[in-house]
Amino acid sequence: MTATARVVLTGAAIATVDAAGTEYDEGHVIVEGDRVVAVAPGEPEFDPSARTVDASGCLITPGLVNTHHHLYQWLTRGRAQQSPLFDWLTELYPAWTALDEENTLAAATAGLAQLALSGCTTAADHHYVFPRHGGDVAGSVVAAADRVGTRLHLVRGSMDRGRAHGGLPPESLVEDTDEALAGTEAAIDRFHDPAPNAAVRVAVGPCSPFSVSDRLMRESASLARRRGVRLHTHLAETTEEHHRCLAEFARTPVEYADELGWLGPDVWLAHGVHLSPAAVARLAATGTGVAHCPSSNARLAAGTAPVRDLLAADASVGLGVDGAASNEHGGLGDEIRQAMLVARLRDGAQALTAREALWLATAGGARCLGRQHELGSVEVGKLADLAVWRVDGIGHAGIADPVAALAFGASPPLELLIQGGRTLVEAGELTTVPAGEVARDLAAASAAFAPTSATGTAPKEVLR
């Protein structure tokens, strides 16, 4: 659906997630073109030329911002079910050598569709797998975002350190260093839009210290800063990574990143689970962001990021779904609840409030992506990326605080999801792509990636 010139949402509770934490028990939001032009309590004056939506029983929030994903992984869900990260990667890398333009398009479309259905309007996709004969897989991710209608931060990833040089990926999935740098710059040339209302931006994203040479890390940082784009990588995800960095580089992961020029206000890091107090302080002092991925971290038994400590230090923290091969649900709305719960398991009942968890999924994510002036809150002049959650159904009715209904309950159904004034979801259904067709395409593409062994299934003696 194309954007309606003027849309008036009335009768809803509103959590603006602005700097003052402004909320209305019952209010209205007016959208004109791709911008919010009014947010206020009560009813607006009637405008016969506008599309008026009765949002009674709903909560309006900013559209959610997903700061870390791997959309191609929708093709390999349910694998390596009992494996920690390194073993999980070792099993899945060979399967990912079969990625190509067609199956990447199917996976990315499905992944972005699921994100939209979970309230997400902006997604950062870290794509670092480029098989030799896979074709234009990055172009497929961009095409999928155009189909579904979500904003995309395409993180052009890279790996140049295969097993022959002490890395984890097979040689067929790594690039030559110069080839990786050239491919990254070509993606910036082709896709990056610096405009404030951009639908697609590009970031530079070498995969991780255990799959990338120090030269690629250093020169990628230089490339990103020369081109004025952001940087992203995995860091401090597991204890195994921590010990490996100490053994190989005599540095912790954060110290190693710092030495390579990989901390700063233009950088956000995926996971940040194993951070010392000194590392937390250093990330905050340099303005480096963290994409917190609570479900994936739990799925792979990586641990829980010190979110309370990061927030107390005023670090930028957003939420990430991570790839659907380590978070099979694939939605962002549920990560609000998950982030709140795991923070409390780690640091006690005061560790994270419902509103702080919503902040992570909206304003915090926008801050990580460098778009805090355009996205992440419902304010006049900002882009009209809005989620309208129905909180009067059986799963949420009776919870007097609508933000608590969103954060403590299951992710509510969407009455509307709007990106830049364009409707992506209405009454719980996708409006931009046919859900049945997306599911069929994904099922057909995934069939080629079916496991060839019983890996990931329970032993027979457990099933008796």
Protein backbone atom coordinates (compact mmCIF):
# COMPACT_ATOMS: atom_id res chain seq x y z
CA MET A 1 0.00 0.00 0.00
CA THR A 2 1.22 3.49 -0.76
CA ALA A 3 1.36 6.15 1.95
CA THR A 4 -1.86 8.03 2.64
CA ALA A 5 -1.41 11.83 2.56
CA ARG A 6 -2.78 12.32 6.10
CA VAL A 7 -3.57 9.70 8.75
CA VAL A 8 -5.11 10.45 12.14
CA LEU A 9 -4.79 7.82 14.88
CA THR A 10 -7.18 8.51 17.76
CA GLY A 11 -8.23 7.11 21.11
CA ALA A 12 -5.01 5.23 21.89
CA ALA A 13 -2.60 5.16 24.76
CA ILE A 14 0.72 6.59 23.55
CA ALA A 15 4.27 5.88 24.74
CA THR A 16 6.33 8.42 22.82
CA VAL A 17 9.73 7.20 24.18
CA ASP A 18 10.96 10.78 23.88
CA ALA A 19 13.70 12.10 26.16
CA ALA A 20 11.14 13.09 28.80
CA GLY A 21 9.31 9.76 28.66
CA THR A 22 6.06 11.47 27.65
CA GLU A 23 2.99 9.24 27.70
CA TYR A 24 -0.74 9.77 27.23
CA ASP A 25 -3.50 7.56 28.59
CA GLU A 26 -5.61 8.55 25.60
CA GLY A 27 -4.38 10.67 22.77
CA HIS A 28 -3.82 11.05 19.07
CA VAL A 29 -1.03 11.02 16.50
CA ILE A 30 -1.31 12.71 13.12
CA VAL A 31 0.87 11.63 10.21
CA GLU A 32 1.30 13.68 7.06
CA GLY A 33 3.33 12.15 4.26
CA ASP A 34 6.26 10.40 5.92
CA ARG A 35 6.36 12.55 9.07
CA VAL A 36 4.61 12.88 12.41
CA VAL A 37 2.98 16.32 12.54
CA ALA A 38 1.09 16.08 15.85
CA VAL A 39 1.20 14.06 19.09
CA ALA A 40 -1.14 15.17 21.85
CA PRO A 41 -3.66 14.02 24.46
CA GLY A 42 -7.38 13.91 23.73
CA GLU A 43 -9.19 14.00 20.39
CA PRO A 44 -8.03 16.09 17.42
CA GLU A 45 -10.25 18.32 15.35
CA PHE A 46 -12.11 16.34 12.72
CA ASP A 47 -10.42 16.39 9.30
CA PRO A 48 -12.67 15.02 6.54
CA SER A 49 -9.72 14.78 4.12
CA ALA A 50 -7.70 12.46 6.38
CA ARG A 51 -7.88 8.75 6.95
CA THR A 52 -9.03 8.46 10.56
CA VAL A 53 -8.22 5.27 12.49
CA ASP A 54 -9.99 4.52 15.77
CA ALA A 55 -7.16 3.07 17.85
CA SER A 56 -9.15 2.62 21.06
CA GLY A 57 -7.82 -0.30 23.06
CA CYS A 58 -4.38 0.13 21.49
CA LEU A 59 -0.95 1.37 22.49
CA ILE A 60 1.04 3.45 20.03
CA THR A 61 4.82 3.20 20.20
CA PRO A 62 7.63 3.98 17.80
CA GLY A 63 8.27 1.27 15.23
CA LEU A 64 10.81 -1.13 16.69
CA VAL A 65 14.46 -1.04 15.60
CA ASN A 66 16.33 -4.34 15.19
CA THR A 67 20.06 -3.69 15.55
CA HIS A 68 21.42 -7.13 14.63
CA HIS A 69 20.19 -9.90 12.34
CA HIS A 70 21.32 -12.48 9.78
CA LEU A 71 18.34 -12.85 7.47
CA TYR A 72 19.84 -15.64 5.36
CA GLN A 73 19.74 -17.92 8.42
CA TRP A 74 15.99 -18.45 7.99
CA LEU A 75 17.08 -21.26 5.67
CA THR A 76 18.72 -23.29 8.46
CA ARG A 77 16.49 -23.01 11.51
CA GLY A 78 16.33 -25.84 14.01
CA ARG A 79 19.89 -27.07 13.47
CA ALA A 80 22.63 -27.68 16.06
CA GLN A 81 20.06 -27.50 18.81
CA GLN A 82 22.38 -28.26 21.74
CA SER A 83 25.51 -26.53 20.46
CA PRO A 84 27.34 -23.47 21.82
CA LEU A 85 28.42 -20.82 19.33
CA PHE A 86 31.66 -22.24 17.89
CA ASP A 87 30.24 -25.76 17.48
CA TRP A 88 27.05 -24.28 16.05
CA LEU A 89 29.03 -22.32 13.47
CA THR A 90 31.16 -25.33 12.59
CA GLU A 91 28.02 -27.31 11.77
CA LEU A 92 26.24 -24.56 9.85
CA TYR A 93 29.04 -23.04 7.78
CA PRO A 94 29.06 -25.95 5.29
CA ALA A 95 25.30 -25.57 4.74
CA TRP A 96 25.67 -21.86 4.05
CA THR A 97 27.97 -22.55 1.09
CA ALA A 98 24.73 -23.23 -0.85
CA LEU A 99 23.47 -19.66 -0.48
CA ASP A 100 22.55 -17.94 -3.73
CA GLU A 101 20.46 -15.01 -4.95
CA GLU A 102 17.20 -16.94 -5.08
CA ASN A 103 17.26 -18.64 -1.69
CA THR A 104 18.64 -15.51 -0.01
CA LEU A 105 15.70 -13.53 -1.38
CA ALA A 106 13.26 -16.10 0.01
CA ALA A 107 14.94 -16.11 3.41
CA ALA A 108 15.29 -12.34 3.68
CA THR A 109 11.70 -11.76 2.62
CA ALA A 110 10.43 -14.21 5.23
CA GLY A 111 12.68 -12.79 7.92
CA LEU A 112 11.66 -9.20 7.26
CA ALA A 113 7.99 -10.20 7.05
CA GLN A 114 8.23 -11.82 10.49
CA LEU A 115 9.98 -8.74 11.83
CA ALA A 116 7.21 -6.52 10.49
CA LEU A 117 4.57 -8.72 12.09
CA SER A 118 6.42 -8.26 15.38
CA GLY A 119 6.36 -4.44 15.21
CA CYS A 120 9.73 -3.82 13.58
CA THR A 121 10.11 -1.05 10.98
CA THR A 122 13.93 -0.90 10.76
CA ALA A 123 16.35 -3.83 10.63
CA ALA A 124 20.13 -4.08 10.50
CA ASP A 125 21.12 -7.21 8.60
CA HIS A 126 24.70 -8.38 9.00
CA HIS A 127 25.38 -10.41 5.86
CA TYR A 128 28.91 -11.81 5.81
CA VAL A 129 28.52 -15.03 3.74
CA PHE A 130 29.36 -14.67 0.05
CA PRO A 131 29.78 -18.10 -1.60
CA ARG A 132 31.93 -18.14 -4.71
CA HIS A 133 29.04 -18.83 -7.07
CA GLY A 134 26.20 -17.34 -5.01
CA GLY A 135 25.61 -14.33 -7.21
CA ASP A 136 24.21 -11.04 -5.94
CA VAL A 137 23.12 -12.08 -2.44
CA ALA A 138 23.43 -8.54 -1.04
CA GLY A 139 21.12 -7.31 -3.78
CA SER A 140 18.62 -9.98 -2.75
CA VAL A 141 18.54 -8.66 0.83
CA VAL A 142 17.89 -5.13 -0.44
CA ALA A 143 15.18 -6.40 -2.79
CA ALA A 144 13.50 -8.21 0.12
CA ALA A 145 13.40 -5.02 2.18
CA ASP A 146 11.82 -3.21 -0.74
CA ARG A 147 9.16 -5.93 -1.02
CA VAL A 148 8.24 -5.97 2.66
CA GLY A 149 8.65 -2.22 3.20
CA THR A 150 10.97 -2.19 6.21
CA ARG A 151 13.94 0.13 6.44
CA LEU A 152 17.22 -1.72 6.02
CA HIS A 153 20.70 -1.15 7.33
CA LEU A 154 22.67 -3.56 5.17
CA VAL A 155 25.84 -4.44 7.04
CA ARG A 156 28.16 -5.65 4.28
CA GLY A 157 30.06 -8.28 6.19
CA SER A 158 33.25 -10.11 5.28
CA MET A 159 35.53 -12.97 6.31
CA ASP A 160 39.09 -13.47 5.08
CA ARG A 161 40.35 -15.94 7.69
CA GLY A 162 39.37 -19.53 7.01
CA ARG A 163 40.35 -22.76 8.68
CA ALA A 164 43.73 -22.83 6.96
CA HIS A 165 44.66 -19.67 8.87
CA GLY A 166 43.17 -20.50 12.24
CA GLY A 167 39.63 -19.28 11.57
CA LEU A 168 36.34 -21.13 11.76
CA PRO A 169 34.74 -20.85 8.27
CA PRO A 170 35.66 -23.16 5.40
CA GLU A 171 37.88 -21.65 2.72
CA SER A 172 34.97 -21.65 0.26
CA LEU A 173 33.21 -18.97 2.34
CA VAL A 174 36.08 -16.55 2.89
CA GLU A 175 37.16 -13.76 0.55
CA ASP A 176 40.57 -12.43 -0.25
CA THR A 177 41.18 -9.34 1.89
CA ASP A 178 41.32 -6.97 -1.07
CA GLU A 179 38.26 -8.62 -2.58
CA ALA A 180 36.34 -8.12 0.67
CA LEU A 181 37.28 -4.45 0.88
CA ALA A 182 36.36 -3.88 -2.75
CA GLY A 183 33.03 -5.67 -2.31
CA THR A 184 32.27 -3.57 0.74
CA GLU A 185 32.97 -0.31 -1.04
CA ALA A 186 30.91 -1.45 -4.02
CA ALA A 187 27.95 -2.06 -1.69
CA ILE A 188 28.27 1.48 -0.33
CA ASP A 189 28.39 2.88 -3.88
CA ARG A 190 25.38 0.86 -4.93
CA PHE A 191 23.03 0.96 -1.96
CA HIS A 192 23.88 3.56 0.68
CA ASP A 193 21.50 6.49 1.02
CA PRO A 194 22.60 9.14 3.55
CA ALA A 195 19.28 11.04 3.34
CA PRO A 196 17.39 11.48 6.65
CA ASN A 197 14.43 9.45 5.37
CA ALA A 198 16.60 6.73 3.79
CA ALA A 199 15.07 3.31 3.26
CA VAL A 200 18.50 1.69 2.83
CA ARG A 201 21.81 2.47 4.42
CA VAL A 202 25.03 0.47 4.37
CA ALA A 203 27.47 -0.24 7.19
CA VAL A 204 30.85 -1.95 7.14
CA GLY A 205 30.92 -5.25 9.02
CA PRO A 206 33.85 -7.69 9.16
CA CYS A 207 32.37 -10.71 10.90
CA SER A 208 34.38 -11.27 14.08
CA PRO A 209 37.93 -11.51 15.45
CA PHE A 210 38.01 -15.28 14.87
CA SER A 211 37.09 -15.10 11.17
CA VAL A 212 38.79 -11.86 10.11
CA SER A 213 42.42 -10.76 9.87
CA ASP A 214 43.63 -7.70 11.73
CA ARG A 215 44.38 -6.11 8.36
CA LEU A 216 40.77 -6.47 7.24
CA MET A 217 39.56 -5.04 10.56
CA ARG A 218 41.87 -2.02 10.36
CA GLU A 219 41.27 -1.25 6.69
CA SER A 220 37.52 -1.75 7.01
CA ALA A 221 37.45 0.86 9.76
CA SER A 222 39.43 3.25 7.56
CA LEU A 223 37.09 2.57 4.63
CA ALA A 224 33.99 3.21 6.70
CA ARG A 225 35.29 6.49 8.05
CA ARG A 226 36.47 7.64 4.65
CA ARG A 227 32.99 6.96 3.26
CA GLY A 228 31.07 8.29 6.27
CA VAL A 229 29.25 5.05 7.16
CA ARG A 230 28.98 3.08 10.38
CA LEU A 231 30.87 0.00 11.57
CA HIS A 232 29.52 -3.23 13.05
CA THR A 233 30.97 -6.57 14.15
CA HIS A 234 30.42 -9.40 16.64
CA LEU A 235 32.35 -8.95 19.87
CA ALA A 236 32.56 -10.38 23.41
CA GLU A 237 29.84 -12.95 22.73
CA THR A 238 31.23 -16.04 24.49
CA THR A 239 33.80 -17.05 27.09
CA GLU A 240 35.46 -19.14 24.38
CA GLU A 241 35.99 -16.01 22.28
CA HIS A 242 37.33 -14.18 25.34
CA HIS A 243 39.91 -16.87 26.08
CA ARG A 244 40.83 -17.21 22.42
CA CYS A 245 41.51 -13.47 22.14
CA LEU A 246 43.67 -13.58 25.26
CA ALA A 247 45.63 -16.54 23.92
CA GLU A 248 46.10 -15.20 20.40
CA PHE A 249 46.31 -11.43 20.87
CA ALA A 250 47.08 -11.04 24.59
CA ARG A 251 44.07 -8.75 24.67
CA THR A 252 40.46 -9.05 25.71
CA PRO A 253 38.00 -8.68 22.81
CA VAL A 254 37.29 -5.04 23.72
CA GLU A 255 41.01 -4.24 24.10
CA TYR A 256 41.67 -5.87 20.73
CA ALA A 257 38.88 -3.89 19.06
CA ASP A 258 40.18 -0.69 20.64
CA GLU A 259 43.70 -1.35 19.34
CA LEU A 260 42.33 -1.84 15.82
CA GLY A 261 40.37 1.42 15.82
CA TRP A 262 37.05 -0.33 16.34
CA LEU A 263 35.58 1.72 19.17
CA GLY A 264 33.81 5.04 18.65
CA PRO A 265 30.46 6.78 18.19
CA ASP A 266 30.21 5.33 14.67
CA VAL A 267 30.50 1.71 15.92
CA TRP A 268 27.96 -0.69 17.37
CA LEU A 269 28.90 -4.21 18.46
CA ALA A 270 26.75 -7.33 18.46
CA HIS A 271 26.24 -9.12 21.80
CA GLY A 272 28.69 -7.59 24.30
CA VAL A 273 27.95 -10.40 26.73
CA HIS A 274 31.31 -10.79 28.46
CA LEU A 275 32.30 -7.27 29.42
CA SER A 276 34.34 -6.32 32.47
CA PRO A 277 33.55 -3.07 34.33
CA ALA A 278 36.55 -1.52 32.55
CA ALA A 279 35.19 -2.63 29.16
CA VAL A 280 31.76 -1.20 29.95
CA ALA A 281 33.37 2.10 30.91
CA ARG A 282 35.46 2.14 27.74
CA LEU A 283 32.46 1.46 25.48
CA ALA A 284 30.51 4.24 27.15
CA ALA A 285 33.42 6.70 27.04
CA THR A 286 33.94 6.11 23.31
CA GLY A 287 30.23 6.21 22.45
CA THR A 288 30.31 2.62 21.15
CA GLY A 289 26.92 0.94 20.95
CA VAL A 290 25.87 -2.62 21.83
CA ALA A 291 23.22 -4.75 20.12
CA HIS A 292 21.77 -6.90 22.92
CA CYS A 293 20.43 -10.24 21.62
CA PRO A 294 18.85 -11.92 24.66
CA SER A 295 17.09 -14.87 23.00
CA SER A 296 20.02 -15.83 20.79
CA ASN A 297 22.43 -15.51 23.70
CA ALA A 298 20.22 -17.87 25.71
CA ARG A 299 19.74 -20.30 22.80
CA LEU A 300 23.52 -20.65 22.39
CA ALA A 301 24.18 -20.52 26.16
CA ALA A 302 26.48 -17.53 25.62
CA GLY A 303 25.39 -15.68 28.76
CA THR A 304 23.60 -12.42 29.49
CA ALA A 305 24.93 -8.99 28.59
CA PRO A 306 25.39 -6.50 31.47
CA VAL A 307 22.62 -4.24 30.21
CA ARG A 308 22.05 -2.52 33.56
CA ASP A 309 25.73 -1.61 33.78
CA LEU A 310 25.79 -0.35 30.20
CA LEU A 311 22.72 1.83 30.71
CA ALA A 312 24.07 3.19 33.98
CA ALA A 313 27.22 4.22 32.09
CA ASP A 314 25.05 5.89 29.39
CA ALA A 315 26.20 3.53 26.66
CA SER A 316 24.05 3.11 23.58
CA VAL A 317 22.18 -0.21 23.79
CA GLY A 318 19.64 -1.58 21.32
CA LEU A 319 17.90 -4.91 20.86
CA GLY A 320 18.75 -7.50 18.23
CA VAL A 321 16.91 -10.61 17.12
CA ASP A 322 20.06 -12.19 15.65
CA GLY A 323 19.82 -14.83 12.96
CA ALA A 324 16.83 -17.16 12.97
CA ALA A 325 19.16 -20.17 13.17
CA SER A 326 19.88 -19.10 16.77
CA ASN A 327 16.51 -17.44 17.46
CA GLU A 328 13.92 -19.43 15.57
CA HIS A 329 11.06 -17.11 16.53
CA GLY A 330 12.63 -14.32 14.50
CA GLY A 331 10.50 -11.47 15.88
CA LEU A 332 11.61 -8.35 17.72
CA GLY A 333 8.53 -7.64 19.85
CA ASP A 334 9.18 -10.67 22.06
CA GLU A 335 12.75 -9.50 22.70
CA ILE A 336 11.34 -6.65 24.82
CA ARG A 337 10.04 -9.16 27.34
CA GLN A 338 13.06 -11.42 27.01
CA ALA A 339 15.50 -8.56 27.62
CA MET A 340 13.64 -7.53 30.75
CA LEU A 341 13.51 -11.06 32.14
CA VAL A 342 17.13 -12.03 31.54
CA ALA A 343 18.35 -8.70 32.96
CA ARG A 344 16.44 -9.49 36.15
CA LEU A 345 17.87 -12.99 36.30
CA ARG A 346 21.33 -11.49 36.06
CA ASP A 347 21.03 -8.40 38.25
CA GLY A 348 17.80 -8.59 40.26
CA ALA A 349 14.23 -7.34 40.03
CA GLN A 350 15.28 -3.70 39.61
CA ALA A 351 17.62 -4.42 36.69
CA LEU A 352 15.33 -3.37 33.84
CA THR A 353 11.88 -1.82 33.81
CA ALA A 354 9.20 -2.26 31.16
CA ARG A 355 9.87 1.24 29.86
CA GLU A 356 13.61 0.72 29.72
CA ALA A 357 13.05 -2.48 27.74
CA LEU A 358 10.82 -0.57 25.29
CA TRP A 359 13.53 2.12 25.06
CA LEU A 360 16.08 -0.52 24.06
CA ALA A 361 13.79 -1.67 21.22
CA THR A 362 13.17 1.86 19.93
CA ALA A 363 15.23 4.90 20.93
CA GLY A 364 18.22 2.81 22.01
CA GLY A 365 18.28 0.99 18.71
CA ALA A 366 17.98 4.21 16.74
CA ARG A 367 20.92 5.59 18.71
CA CYS A 368 23.03 2.52 17.86
CA LEU A 369 22.30 3.01 14.16
CA GLY A 370 23.00 6.75 14.30
CA ARG A 371 19.38 7.64 13.54
CA GLN A 372 18.22 9.05 16.86
CA HIS A 373 17.20 12.32 15.18
CA GLU A 374 14.91 10.53 12.71
CA LEU A 375 13.66 7.34 14.37
CA GLY A 376 13.03 5.75 17.74
CA SER A 377 10.41 8.06 19.27
CA VAL A 378 6.98 9.46 18.43
CA GLU A 379 7.69 13.17 18.08
CA VAL A 380 6.68 15.96 15.75
CA GLY A 381 9.07 16.15 12.81
CA LYS A 382 10.33 12.59 13.12
CA LEU A 383 9.69 9.89 10.56
CA ALA A 384 6.25 8.28 10.87
CA ASP A 385 7.45 4.80 11.83
CA LEU A 386 4.73 3.67 14.24
CA ALA A 387 3.50 0.45 15.83
CA VAL A 388 -0.11 0.32 16.99
CA TRP A 389 -0.47 -2.62 19.39
CA ARG A 390 -3.87 -4.03 20.39
CA VAL A 391 -3.78 -4.49 24.17
CA ASP A 392 -7.47 -5.07 24.90
CA GLY A 393 -7.57 -8.78 23.99
CA ILE A 394 -7.61 -11.72 26.33
CA GLY A 395 -3.82 -11.79 26.65
CA HIS A 396 -3.52 -8.19 27.84
CA ALA A 397 -6.90 -6.84 28.96
CA GLY A 398 -6.95 -5.99 32.64
CA ILE A 399 -3.32 -4.85 32.81
CA ALA A 400 -3.92 -1.21 33.62
CA ASP A 401 -0.50 -0.07 32.37
CA PRO A 402 -0.39 -0.58 28.57
CA VAL A 403 3.41 -0.46 28.46
CA ALA A 404 3.50 -3.24 31.06
CA ALA A 405 0.98 -5.15 28.92
CA LEU A 406 3.40 -4.91 26.00
CA ALA A 407 6.52 -5.78 27.99
CA PHE A 408 5.30 -8.36 30.49
CA GLY A 409 2.78 -10.16 28.28
CA ALA A 410 3.26 -11.91 24.99
CA SER A 411 3.90 -9.56 22.08
CA PRO A 412 0.42 -8.14 21.32
CA PRO A 413 -1.16 -8.30 17.87
CA LEU A 414 -0.61 -5.31 15.63
CA GLU A 415 -3.55 -3.19 14.61
CA LEU A 416 -1.23 -1.18 12.35
CA LEU A 417 2.43 -0.94 11.47
CA ILE A 418 3.42 2.18 9.56
CA GLN A 419 6.80 2.96 8.04
CA GLY A 420 7.15 6.51 6.75
CA GLY A 421 3.37 6.77 6.45
CA ARG A 422 3.13 3.50 4.48
CA THR A 423 1.05 0.70 6.00
CA LEU A 424 2.99 -2.56 6.29
CA VAL A 425 0.66 -4.46 8.64
CA GLU A 426 -3.05 -3.98 9.26
CA ALA A 427 -5.26 -6.01 11.62
CA GLY A 428 -2.40 -8.46 12.11
CA GLU A 429 -1.90 -9.13 8.39
CA LEU A 430 0.89 -8.09 6.04
CA THR A 431 -0.28 -5.63 3.42
CA THR A 432 2.87 -5.46 1.28
CA VAL A 433 3.54 -9.13 0.53
CA PRO A 434 1.22 -12.19 0.52
CA ALA A 435 2.12 -14.16 3.65
CA GLY A 436 1.18 -17.52 2.13
CA GLU A 437 3.43 -16.99 -0.86
CA VAL A 438 6.31 -15.90 1.37
CA ALA A 439 5.92 -19.04 3.49
CA ARG A 440 5.78 -21.32 0.44
CA ASP A 441 8.88 -19.73 -1.08
CA LEU A 442 10.76 -20.11 2.20
CA ALA A 443 9.71 -23.74 2.63
CA ALA A 444 10.86 -24.59 -0.90
CA ALA A 445 14.18 -22.82 -0.45
CA SER A 446 14.78 -24.35 2.99
CA ALA A 447 14.18 -27.88 1.70
CA ALA A 448 17.51 -27.76 -0.09
CA PHE A 449 19.19 -27.04 3.26
CA ALA A 450 17.58 -29.96 5.13
CA PRO A 451 20.00 -31.73 7.48
CA THR A 452 21.59 -34.85 6.02
CA SER A 453 22.04 -36.41 9.48
CA ALA A 454 20.23 -36.54 12.79
CA THR A 455 22.35 -33.72 14.19
CA GLY A 456 20.23 -31.57 16.45
CA THR A 457 17.62 -34.23 17.19
CA ALA A 458 17.27 -35.90 20.55
CA PRO A 459 18.94 -39.33 20.99
CA LYS A 460 16.59 -42.28 20.62
CA GLU A 461 16.93 -43.23 24.26
CA VAL A 462 15.59 -39.81 25.26
CA LEU A 463 12.60 -40.18 22.95
CA ARG A 464 11.45 -43.55 24.29
